[in-house]
């Protein structure tokens, strides 16, 4: 069986806050936006490197408060870049875990947690 990457769907409630967090702060690009009509809920895809995430304002798509893990190289450098942006809603720290990862968790304005991690082996 050949598999492809999973695409998580996260619930959002405010387009401006979502873009400020995911695009301006975390550095994702908006790949597409969709609404059935002008005043309907937003559904959009964002990406950064090899990561793809769908964000939705539709109440039936998913529940807020999800948690996802995003594997990367050099979490500490990414953390430094985020801290340099001085985003007033988050100042993420980095943790070296007992299970040989370096992790940084940030929570979006809607209660979804994103943990950026890298595996480190001795």
C-alpha atoms as a PDB file:
ATOM      1  CA  UNK A   1       0.000   0.000   0.000  1.00  0.00           C
ATOM      2  CA  UNK A   2       1.304   3.440  -0.908  1.00  0.00           C
ATOM      3  CA  UNK A   3       0.300   6.232   1.445  1.00  0.00           C
ATOM      4  CA  UNK A   4       0.349   9.993   1.189  1.00  0.00           C
ATOM      5  CA  UNK A   5       0.523  12.651   3.906  1.00  0.00           C
ATOM      6  CA  UNK A   6      -2.435  13.232   6.194  1.00  0.00           C
ATOM      7  CA  UNK A   7      -4.106  16.643   5.997  1.00  0.00           C
ATOM      8  CA  UNK A   8      -5.505  17.769   9.351  1.00  0.00           C
ATOM      9  CA  UNK A   9      -8.569  20.016   9.472  1.00  0.00           C
ATOM     10  CA  UNK A  10      -8.650  22.582  12.287  1.00  0.00           C
ATOM     11  CA  UNK A  11     -11.649  24.646  13.362  1.00  0.00           C
ATOM     12  CA  UNK A  12     -11.346  28.423  13.286  1.00  0.00           C
ATOM     13  CA  UNK A  13     -13.843  31.155  14.153  1.00  0.00           C
ATOM     14  CA  UNK A  14     -12.308  34.342  12.774  1.00  0.00           C
ATOM     15  CA  UNK A  15     -10.545  34.729   9.428  1.00  0.00           C
ATOM     16  CA  UNK A  16      -8.445  37.744  10.458  1.00  0.00           C
ATOM     17  CA  UNK A  17      -7.191  36.055  13.639  1.00  0.00           C
ATOM     18  CA  UNK A  18      -6.472  32.834  11.742  1.00  0.00           C
ATOM     19  CA  UNK A  19      -4.410  34.650   9.109  1.00  0.00           C
ATOM     20  CA  UNK A  20      -2.569  36.707  11.736  1.00  0.00           C
ATOM     21  CA  UNK A  21      -1.586  33.496  13.525  1.00  0.00           C
ATOM     22  CA  UNK A  22      -0.980  31.010  10.714  1.00  0.00           C
ATOM     23  CA  UNK A  23       0.286  33.325   7.960  1.00  0.00           C
ATOM     24  CA  UNK A  24       1.845  36.331   9.686  1.00  0.00           C
ATOM     25  CA  UNK A  25       3.190  34.547  12.779  1.00  0.00           C
ATOM     26  CA  UNK A  26       3.882  30.926  11.779  1.00  0.00           C
ATOM     27  CA  UNK A  27       4.752  31.708   8.147  1.00  0.00           C
ATOM     28  CA  UNK A  28       2.242  29.527   6.290  1.00  0.00           C
ATOM     29  CA  UNK A  29       1.031  30.448   2.808  1.00  0.00           C
ATOM     30  CA  UNK A  30      -2.654  30.493   1.855  1.00  0.00           C
ATOM     31  CA  UNK A  31      -3.089  28.017  -1.010  1.00  0.00           C
ATOM     32  CA  UNK A  32      -6.807  28.504  -1.540  1.00  0.00           C
ATOM     33  CA  UNK A  33      -9.918  29.946   0.092  1.00  0.00           C
ATOM     34  CA  UNK A  34     -13.491  28.829  -0.525  1.00  0.00           C
ATOM     35  CA  UNK A  35     -16.931  30.112   0.433  1.00  0.00           C
ATOM     36  CA  UNK A  36     -20.219  28.969  -1.049  1.00  0.00           C
ATOM     37  CA  UNK A  37     -21.397  32.595  -0.960  1.00  0.00           C
ATOM     38  CA  UNK A  38     -19.854  35.895   0.134  1.00  0.00           C
ATOM     39  CA  UNK A  39     -21.123  35.803   3.721  1.00  0.00           C
ATOM     40  CA  UNK A  40     -20.740  32.047   4.259  1.00  0.00           C
ATOM     41  CA  UNK A  41     -18.077  30.343   6.419  1.00  0.00           C
ATOM     42  CA  UNK A  42     -14.512  30.153   5.125  1.00  0.00           C
ATOM     43  CA  UNK A  43     -12.681  26.949   4.227  1.00  0.00           C
ATOM     44  CA  UNK A  44      -9.020  27.338   3.298  1.00  0.00           C
ATOM     45  CA  UNK A  45      -5.812  25.440   2.798  1.00  0.00           C
ATOM     46  CA  UNK A  46      -2.494  26.661   4.159  1.00  0.00           C
ATOM     47  CA  UNK A  47       0.965  25.191   3.685  1.00  0.00           C
ATOM     48  CA  UNK A  48       4.535  25.585   4.835  1.00  0.00           C
ATOM     49  CA  UNK A  49       7.290  23.394   3.429  1.00  0.00           C
ATOM     50  CA  UNK A  50       5.790  19.909   3.243  1.00  0.00           C
ATOM     51  CA  UNK A  51       2.989  20.617   5.717  1.00  0.00           C
ATOM     52  CA  UNK A  52      -0.593  21.147   4.575  1.00  0.00           C
ATOM     53  CA  UNK A  53      -3.427  22.114   6.929  1.00  0.00           C
ATOM     54  CA  UNK A  54      -7.065  22.869   6.209  1.00  0.00           C
ATOM     55  CA  UNK A  55      -8.777  25.538   8.309  1.00  0.00           C
ATOM     56  CA  UNK A  56     -12.559  25.731   8.478  1.00  0.00           C
ATOM     57  CA  UNK A  57     -15.224  27.974   9.938  1.00  0.00           C
ATOM     58  CA  UNK A  58     -17.881  25.326   9.180  1.00  0.00           C
ATOM     59  CA  UNK A  59     -19.239  23.999  12.482  1.00  0.00           C
ATOM     60  CA  UNK A  60     -19.851  20.491  11.135  1.00  0.00           C
ATOM     61  CA  UNK A  61     -16.321  19.868   9.832  1.00  0.00           C
ATOM     62  CA  UNK A  62     -14.541  19.352  13.150  1.00  0.00           C
ATOM     63  CA  UNK A  63     -14.382  20.464  16.777  1.00  0.00           C
ATOM     64  CA  UNK A  64     -12.086  23.146  18.179  1.00  0.00           C
ATOM     65  CA  UNK A  65      -9.337  22.097  20.555  1.00  0.00           C
ATOM     66  CA  UNK A  66      -7.470  19.655  18.305  1.00  0.00           C
ATOM     67  CA  UNK A  67      -3.804  18.822  18.694  1.00  0.00           C
ATOM     68  CA  UNK A  68      -1.421  18.041  15.846  1.00  0.00           C
ATOM     69  CA  UNK A  69       2.275  17.176  15.640  1.00  0.00           C
ATOM     70  CA  UNK A  70       4.444  18.676  12.887  1.00  0.00           C
ATOM     71  CA  UNK A  71       7.863  17.111  12.373  1.00  0.00           C
ATOM     72  CA  UNK A  72      10.688  19.375  11.295  1.00  0.00           C
ATOM     73  CA  UNK A  73      14.416  20.002  11.460  1.00  0.00           C
ATOM     74  CA  UNK A  74      15.827  22.641  13.849  1.00  0.00           C
ATOM     75  CA  UNK A  75      12.935  23.529  16.124  1.00  0.00           C
ATOM     76  CA  UNK A  76      15.176  25.940  18.041  1.00  0.00           C
ATOM     77  CA  UNK A  77      15.860  28.028  14.926  1.00  0.00           C
ATOM     78  CA  UNK A  78      12.132  28.165  14.141  1.00  0.00           C
ATOM     79  CA  UNK A  79      11.426  29.201  17.726  1.00  0.00           C
ATOM     80  CA  UNK A  80      13.988  32.018  17.467  1.00  0.00           C
ATOM     81  CA  UNK A  81      12.374  33.232  14.236  1.00  0.00           C
ATOM     82  CA  UNK A  82       8.928  33.224  15.866  1.00  0.00           C
ATOM     83  CA  UNK A  83      10.146  35.061  18.974  1.00  0.00           C
ATOM     84  CA  UNK A  84      11.732  37.730  16.761  1.00  0.00           C
ATOM     85  CA  UNK A  85       8.277  38.516  15.349  1.00  0.00           C
ATOM     86  CA  UNK A  86       7.092  39.614  18.811  1.00  0.00           C
ATOM     87  CA  UNK A  87       3.600  38.208  18.236  1.00  0.00           C
ATOM     88  CA  UNK A  88       1.674  39.386  21.282  1.00  0.00           C
ATOM     89  CA  UNK A  89      -0.421  36.212  21.651  1.00  0.00           C
ATOM     90  CA  UNK A  90       2.431  33.667  21.877  1.00  0.00           C
ATOM     91  CA  UNK A  91       6.009  33.398  23.090  1.00  0.00           C
ATOM     92  CA  UNK A  92       6.651  29.673  22.592  1.00  0.00           C
ATOM     93  CA  UNK A  93       9.281  27.816  24.561  1.00  0.00           C
ATOM     94  CA  UNK A  94      11.244  24.714  23.594  1.00  0.00           C
ATOM     95  CA  UNK A  95      11.400  21.480  25.583  1.00  0.00           C
ATOM     96  CA  UNK A  96      13.843  18.603  25.318  1.00  0.00           C
ATOM     97  CA  UNK A  97      11.837  15.489  26.146  1.00  0.00           C
ATOM     98  CA  UNK A  98      12.700  12.153  27.740  1.00  0.00           C
ATOM     99  CA  UNK A  99      11.631  10.442  24.487  1.00  0.00           C
ATOM    100  CA  UNK A 100      14.427  12.112  22.479  1.00  0.00           C
ATOM    101  CA  UNK A 101      12.571  14.946  20.824  1.00  0.00           C
ATOM    102  CA  UNK A 102      12.833  18.701  20.931  1.00  0.00           C
ATOM    103  CA  UNK A 103       9.335  20.193  21.004  1.00  0.00           C
ATOM    104  CA  UNK A 104       7.679  23.583  20.803  1.00  0.00           C
ATOM    105  CA  UNK A 105       3.930  23.844  21.327  1.00  0.00           C
ATOM    106  CA  UNK A 106       1.829  26.847  20.329  1.00  0.00           C
ATOM    107  CA  UNK A 107      -1.917  27.238  20.696  1.00  0.00           C
ATOM    108  CA  UNK A 108      -3.865  29.062  18.018  1.00  0.00           C
ATOM    109  CA  UNK A 109      -6.554  31.633  18.881  1.00  0.00           C
ATOM    110  CA  UNK A 110      -9.202  28.867  18.669  1.00  0.00           C
ATOM    111  CA  UNK A 111      -7.700  26.408  21.156  1.00  0.00           C
ATOM    112  CA  UNK A 112      -5.951  24.121  18.656  1.00  0.00           C
ATOM    113  CA  UNK A 113      -2.462  23.034  19.721  1.00  0.00           C
ATOM    114  CA  UNK A 114       0.374  22.649  17.242  1.00  0.00           C
ATOM    115  CA  UNK A 115       3.487  20.869  18.468  1.00  0.00           C
ATOM    116  CA  UNK A 116       6.534  21.322  16.270  1.00  0.00           C
ATOM    117  CA  UNK A 117       9.088  18.613  16.956  1.00  0.00           C
ATOM    118  CA  UNK A 118      12.323  17.083  15.834  1.00  0.00           C
ATOM    119  CA  UNK A 119      13.716  13.691  16.719  1.00  0.00           C
ATOM    120  CA  UNK A 120      17.162  13.743  18.265  1.00  0.00           C
ATOM    121  CA  UNK A 121      19.185  10.630  18.816  1.00  0.00           C
ATOM    122  CA  UNK A 122      22.468  10.267  20.640  1.00  0.00           C
END
